[in-house]
Amino acid sequence: MKWEAGTAVKFAAVGLIGLLTDMVLLRLCMAAGTSPAVARAISLFCAMQITFTVNGLFVFRCLTAEKLGGQWAGYMATSGFGNFCNYWIFVTLVSFHGPVLSNPYVALLVGAFCAYLINYAGARLWVFGKGKGHVVIAARHRPSNRDSAGVEGRLALAALRGGDATAHQLDA
């Protein structure tokens, strides 16, 4: 459970990076004359690409070239749903034309919090998987030098036993 809380906090930190990206791009697009709704769609898509990459590489630590397409598609689907809710909340609040909730940045924050809950559940349970968390835990506690499963470790074991082993003999 401690590891899960740590993962959720890291995911939230990456979400803040995505949120900052989202806010900066939203401001730039609106300054260029783009409507808030279109500007938000652009900024949200760009932020999703950044959070996918950082979450896959540094939070869940299981993003690989072999699985990239499937993980990207799954992340875009789950985050797309969460961010659809985010976008819907944003557009709805902005359309109220009230003094506080219709502020595009307040609406962005409210939508982003709801999306965080949906996106974490999707990334953790479907895209990067609960089972993959066990691999991450094992990898995090791995000794820094090669263990007995590595070539150096096997050569050292062979030398301790008095054998004359080479990497070719051990790998064959």
C-alpha atoms as a PDB file:
ATOM      1  CA  MET A   1       0.000   0.000   0.000  1.00  0.00           C
ATOM      2  CA  LYS A   2       2.909   2.333   0.717  1.00  0.00           C
ATOM      3  CA  TRP A   3       4.193   1.807  -2.828  1.00  0.00           C
ATOM      4  CA  GLU A   4       0.727   2.551  -4.247  1.00  0.00           C
ATOM      5  CA  ALA A   5       0.546   5.864  -2.397  1.00  0.00           C
ATOM      6  CA  GLY A   6       4.014   6.776  -3.657  1.00  0.00           C
ATOM      7  CA  THR A   7       2.990   5.943  -7.206  1.00  0.00           C
ATOM      8  CA  ALA A   8      -0.166   8.059  -6.883  1.00  0.00           C
ATOM      9  CA  VAL A   9       1.903  11.006  -5.621  1.00  0.00           C
ATOM     10  CA  LYS A  10       4.386  10.650  -8.496  1.00  0.00           C
ATOM     11  CA  PHE A  11       1.500  10.395 -10.943  1.00  0.00           C
ATOM     12  CA  ALA A  12       0.075  13.600  -9.464  1.00  0.00           C
ATOM     13  CA  ALA A  13       3.454  15.335  -9.820  1.00  0.00           C
ATOM     14  CA  VAL A  14       3.567  14.332 -13.486  1.00  0.00           C
ATOM     15  CA  GLY A  15      -0.004  15.575 -13.739  1.00  0.00           C
ATOM     16  CA  LEU A  16       1.219  18.958 -12.516  1.00  0.00           C
ATOM     17  CA  ILE A  17       3.792  18.993 -15.318  1.00  0.00           C
ATOM     18  CA  GLY A  18       0.953  18.211 -17.713  1.00  0.00           C
ATOM     19  CA  LEU A  19      -1.219  20.884 -16.123  1.00  0.00           C
ATOM     20  CA  LEU A  20       1.502  23.512 -16.482  1.00  0.00           C
ATOM     21  CA  THR A  21       1.998  22.493 -20.114  1.00  0.00           C
ATOM     22  CA  ASP A  22      -1.750  22.670 -20.592  1.00  0.00           C
ATOM     23  CA  MET A  23      -2.028  26.121 -19.017  1.00  0.00           C
ATOM     24  CA  VAL A  24       0.898  27.605 -20.955  1.00  0.00           C
ATOM     25  CA  LEU A  25      -0.365  26.267 -24.281  1.00  0.00           C
ATOM     26  CA  LEU A  26      -3.923  27.352 -23.463  1.00  0.00           C
ATOM     27  CA  ARG A  27      -2.687  30.879 -22.815  1.00  0.00           C
ATOM     28  CA  LEU A  28      -0.542  30.933 -25.968  1.00  0.00           C
ATOM     29  CA  CYS A  29      -3.350  29.631 -28.163  1.00  0.00           C
ATOM     30  CA  MET A  30      -5.879  32.085 -26.720  1.00  0.00           C
ATOM     31  CA  ALA A  31      -3.363  34.944 -27.121  1.00  0.00           C
ATOM     32  CA  ALA A  32      -3.095  33.934 -30.784  1.00  0.00           C
ATOM     33  CA  GLY A  33      -6.855  34.424 -31.123  1.00  0.00           C
ATOM     34  CA  THR A  34      -7.994  30.809 -30.806  1.00  0.00           C
ATOM     35  CA  SER A  35     -11.294  30.313 -28.982  1.00  0.00           C
ATOM     36  CA  PRO A  36     -10.975  28.886 -25.448  1.00  0.00           C
ATOM     37  CA  ALA A  37     -12.644  25.610 -26.477  1.00  0.00           C
ATOM     38  CA  VAL A  38     -10.294  24.961 -29.425  1.00  0.00           C
ATOM     39  CA  ALA A  39      -7.272  26.229 -27.490  1.00  0.00           C
ATOM     40  CA  ARG A  40      -8.131  23.804 -24.686  1.00  0.00           C
ATOM     41  CA  ALA A  41      -8.359  20.843 -27.071  1.00  0.00           C
ATOM     42  CA  ILE A  42      -4.910  21.651 -28.472  1.00  0.00           C
ATOM     43  CA  SER A  43      -3.299  22.207 -25.078  1.00  0.00           C
ATOM     44  CA  LEU A  44      -4.868  19.075 -23.623  1.00  0.00           C
ATOM     45  CA  PHE A  45      -3.654  16.836 -26.451  1.00  0.00           C
ATOM     46  CA  CYS A  46      -0.081  18.121 -26.091  1.00  0.00           C
ATOM     47  CA  ALA A  47      -0.142  17.683 -22.316  1.00  0.00           C
ATOM     48  CA  MET A  48      -1.320  14.068 -22.736  1.00  0.00           C
ATOM     49  CA  GLN A  49       1.743  13.252 -24.850  1.00  0.00           C
ATOM     50  CA  ILE A  50       4.071  14.604 -22.182  1.00  0.00           C
ATOM     51  CA  THR A  51       2.350  12.827 -19.285  1.00  0.00           C
ATOM     52  CA  PHE A  52       2.284   9.528 -21.191  1.00  0.00           C
ATOM     53  CA  THR A  53       6.017   9.643 -21.757  1.00  0.00           C
ATOM     54  CA  VAL A  54       6.989  10.714 -18.234  1.00  0.00           C
ATOM     55  CA  ASN A  55       4.559   8.326 -16.504  1.00  0.00           C
ATOM     56  CA  GLY A  56       5.632   5.378 -18.644  1.00  0.00           C
ATOM     57  CA  LEU A  57       9.353   5.998 -18.195  1.00  0.00           C
ATOM     58  CA  PHE A  58       9.628   7.312 -14.638  1.00  0.00           C
ATOM     59  CA  VAL A  59       6.473   6.546 -12.628  1.00  0.00           C
ATOM     60  CA  PHE A  60       5.501   3.061 -13.788  1.00  0.00           C
ATOM     61  CA  ARG A  61       8.905   2.296 -15.352  1.00  0.00           C
ATOM     62  CA  CYS A  62       7.587  -0.121 -17.915  1.00  0.00           C
ATOM     63  CA  LEU A  63       7.444   1.821 -21.162  1.00  0.00           C
ATOM     64  CA  THR A  64       9.335  -0.147 -23.794  1.00  0.00           C
ATOM     65  CA  ALA A  65       9.754   0.080 -27.558  1.00  0.00           C
ATOM     66  CA  GLU A  66       8.029  -3.299 -27.963  1.00  0.00           C
ATOM     67  CA  LYS A  67       4.925  -2.205 -26.037  1.00  0.00           C
ATOM     68  CA  LEU A  68       4.941   1.468 -27.025  1.00  0.00           C
ATOM     69  CA  GLY A  69       2.068   1.321 -29.521  1.00  0.00           C
ATOM     70  CA  GLY A  70      -0.278  -0.612 -27.260  1.00  0.00           C
ATOM     71  CA  GLN A  71       0.585   1.389 -24.180  1.00  0.00           C
ATOM     72  CA  TRP A  72       0.218   4.670 -26.065  1.00  0.00           C
ATOM     73  CA  ALA A  73      -3.184   3.615 -27.453  1.00  0.00           C
ATOM     74  CA  GLY A  74      -4.368   2.452 -24.026  1.00  0.00           C
ATOM     75  CA  TYR A  75      -3.120   5.614 -22.340  1.00  0.00           C
ATOM     76  CA  MET A  76      -4.753   7.816 -24.970  1.00  0.00           C
ATOM     77  CA  ALA A  77      -8.027   5.890 -24.571  1.00  0.00           C
ATOM     78  CA  THR A  78      -8.135   6.039 -20.776  1.00  0.00           C
ATOM     79  CA  SER A  79      -6.727   9.545 -20.574  1.00  0.00           C
ATOM     80  CA  GLY A  80      -8.938  10.523 -23.479  1.00  0.00           C
ATOM     81  CA  PHE A  81     -11.983   9.511 -21.461  1.00  0.00           C
ATOM     82  CA  GLY A  82     -10.711  11.286 -18.351  1.00  0.00           C
ATOM     83  CA  ASN A  83      -9.794  14.328 -20.367  1.00  0.00           C
ATOM     84  CA  PHE A  84     -13.108  14.265 -22.215  1.00  0.00           C
ATOM     85  CA  CYS A  85     -14.659  14.649 -18.771  1.00  0.00           C
ATOM     86  CA  ASN A  86     -12.061  17.345 -18.037  1.00  0.00           C
ATOM     87  CA  TYR A  87     -12.892  19.165 -21.281  1.00  0.00           C
ATOM     88  CA  TRP A  88     -16.648  18.814 -20.760  1.00  0.00           C
ATOM     89  CA  ILE A  89     -16.357  20.281 -17.250  1.00  0.00           C
ATOM     90  CA  PHE A  90     -14.167  23.097 -18.623  1.00  0.00           C
ATOM     91  CA  VAL A  91     -16.584  24.048 -21.426  1.00  0.00           C
ATOM     92  CA  THR A  92     -19.596  23.751 -19.125  1.00  0.00           C
ATOM     93  CA  LEU A  93     -18.104  25.978 -16.431  1.00  0.00           C
ATOM     94  CA  VAL A  94     -16.847  28.579 -18.927  1.00  0.00           C
ATOM     95  CA  SER A  95     -20.331  28.720 -20.506  1.00  0.00           C
ATOM     96  CA  PHE A  96     -21.925  29.762 -17.189  1.00  0.00           C
ATOM     97  CA  HIS A  97     -20.441  33.251 -17.571  1.00  0.00           C
ATOM     98  CA  GLY A  98     -20.202  33.636 -13.790  1.00  0.00           C
ATOM     99  CA  PRO A  99     -17.468  35.677 -12.143  1.00  0.00           C
ATOM    100  CA  VAL A 100     -15.422  32.760 -10.735  1.00  0.00           C
ATOM    101  CA  LEU A 101     -16.345  29.418 -12.270  1.00  0.00           C
ATOM    102  CA  SER A 102     -16.371  30.751 -15.827  1.00  0.00           C
ATOM    103  CA  ASN A 103     -12.754  31.860 -15.520  1.00  0.00           C
ATOM    104  CA  PRO A 104     -10.918  29.536 -17.941  1.00  0.00           C
ATOM    105  CA  TYR A 105      -8.160  28.808 -15.403  1.00  0.00           C
ATOM    106  CA  VAL A 106     -10.557  27.942 -12.574  1.00  0.00           C
ATOM    107  CA  ALA A 107     -12.507  25.729 -14.963  1.00  0.00           C
ATOM    108  CA  LEU A 108      -9.247  24.108 -16.063  1.00  0.00           C
ATOM    109  CA  LEU A 109      -8.296  23.281 -12.440  1.00  0.00           C
ATOM    110  CA  VAL A 110     -11.702  21.781 -11.596  1.00  0.00           C
ATOM    111  CA  GLY A 111     -11.675  19.652 -14.735  1.00  0.00           C
ATOM    112  CA  ALA A 112      -8.059  18.611 -14.186  1.00  0.00           C
ATOM    113  CA  PHE A 113      -8.763  17.274 -10.693  1.00  0.00           C
ATOM    114  CA  CYS A 114     -11.622  15.108 -11.932  1.00  0.00           C
ATOM    115  CA  ALA A 115      -9.466  13.885 -14.807  1.00  0.00           C
ATOM    116  CA  TYR A 116      -6.637  12.998 -12.382  1.00  0.00           C
ATOM    117  CA  LEU A 117      -8.860  10.512 -10.579  1.00  0.00           C
ATOM    118  CA  ILE A 118     -10.031   8.881 -13.803  1.00  0.00           C
ATOM    119  CA  ASN A 119      -6.613   8.927 -15.477  1.00  0.00           C
ATOM    120  CA  TYR A 120      -4.755   7.403 -12.531  1.00  0.00           C
ATOM    121  CA  ALA A 121      -7.212   4.526 -12.321  1.00  0.00           C
ATOM    122  CA  GLY A 122      -6.906   3.905 -16.074  1.00  0.00           C
ATOM    123  CA  ALA A 123      -3.113   4.119 -16.178  1.00  0.00           C
ATOM    124  CA  ARG A 124      -2.595   2.021 -13.063  1.00  0.00           C
ATOM    125  CA  LEU A 125      -5.175  -0.671 -13.649  1.00  0.00           C
ATOM    126  CA  TRP A 126      -5.277  -0.972 -17.426  1.00  0.00           C
ATOM    127  CA  VAL A 127      -2.413   0.662 -19.327  1.00  0.00           C
ATOM    128  CA  PHE A 128       0.586  -0.080 -17.132  1.00  0.00           C
ATOM    129  CA  GLY A 129      -1.219  -2.768 -15.153  1.00  0.00           C
ATOM    130  CA  LYS A 130      -1.267  -3.786 -11.540  1.00  0.00           C
ATOM    131  CA  GLY A 131       0.911  -6.804 -12.263  1.00  0.00           C
ATOM    132  CA  LYS A 132       3.612  -4.610 -13.737  1.00  0.00           C
ATOM    133  CA  GLY A 133       3.862  -2.838 -10.397  1.00  0.00           C
ATOM    134  CA  HIS A 134       5.419  -5.976  -8.930  1.00  0.00           C
ATOM    135  CA  VAL A 135       8.125  -5.863 -11.579  1.00  0.00           C
ATOM    136  CA  VAL A 136       8.779  -2.228 -10.767  1.00  0.00           C
ATOM    137  CA  ILE A 137       9.103  -3.014  -7.053  1.00  0.00           C
ATOM    138  CA  ALA A 138      11.645  -5.749  -7.813  1.00  0.00           C
ATOM    139  CA  ALA A 139      13.572  -3.471 -10.145  1.00  0.00           C
ATOM    140  CA  ARG A 140      13.674  -0.676  -7.589  1.00  0.00           C
ATOM    141  CA  HIS A 141      15.356  -2.888  -4.993  1.00  0.00           C
ATOM    142  CA  ARG A 142      17.864  -4.459  -7.382  1.00  0.00           C
ATOM    143  CA  PRO A 143      21.518  -4.164  -6.255  1.00  0.00           C
ATOM    144  CA  SER A 144      23.527  -1.628  -8.207  1.00  0.00           C
ATOM    145  CA  ASN A 145      26.282  -4.082  -9.180  1.00  0.00           C
ATOM    146  CA  ARG A 146      25.543  -7.226 -11.171  1.00  0.00           C
ATOM    147  CA  ASP A 147      24.159 -10.105  -9.139  1.00  0.00           C
ATOM    148  CA  SER A 148      24.801 -13.823  -9.582  1.00  0.00           C
ATOM    149  CA  ALA A 149      22.490 -13.906 -12.607  1.00  0.00           C
ATOM    150  CA  GLY A 150      24.772 -11.509 -14.506  1.00  0.00           C
ATOM    151  CA  VAL A 151      27.817 -12.539 -16.541  1.00  0.00           C
ATOM    152  CA  GLU A 152      30.271 -11.037 -14.041  1.00  0.00           C
ATOM    153  CA  GLY A 153      28.514 -12.807 -11.195  1.00  0.00           C
ATOM    154  CA  ARG A 154      28.600 -16.156 -13.000  1.00  0.00           C
ATOM    155  CA  LEU A 155      32.269 -15.728 -13.853  1.00  0.00           C
ATOM    156  CA  ALA A 156      33.030 -14.888 -10.224  1.00  0.00           C
ATOM    157  CA  LEU A 157      31.124 -17.962  -9.010  1.00  0.00           C
ATOM    158  CA  ALA A 158      33.016 -20.163 -11.471  1.00  0.00           C
ATOM    159  CA  ALA A 159      36.338 -18.700 -10.335  1.00  0.00           C
ATOM    160  CA  LEU A 160      35.429 -19.300  -6.666  1.00  0.00           C
ATOM    161  CA  ARG A 161      34.648 -22.919  -7.466  1.00  0.00           C
ATOM    162  CA  GLY A 162      38.043 -23.283  -9.076  1.00  0.00           C
ATOM    163  CA  GLY A 163      36.692 -23.540 -12.591  1.00  0.00           C
ATOM    164  CA  ASP A 164      38.027 -21.793 -15.639  1.00  0.00           C
ATOM    165  CA  ALA A 165      34.889 -20.250 -17.111  1.00  0.00           C
ATOM    166  CA  THR A 166      34.551 -17.779 -19.914  1.00  0.00           C
ATOM    167  CA  ALA A 167      31.587 -15.722 -20.984  1.00  0.00           C
ATOM    168  CA  HIS A 168      31.136 -17.951 -24.040  1.00  0.00           C
ATOM    169  CA  GLN A 169      30.948 -21.097 -21.917  1.00  0.00           C
ATOM    170  CA  LEU A 170      28.465 -19.531 -19.521  1.00  0.00           C
ATOM    171  CA  ASP A 171      26.200 -18.074 -22.177  1.00  0.00           C
ATOM    172  CA  ALA A 172      26.059 -21.280 -24.214  1.00  0.00           C
END
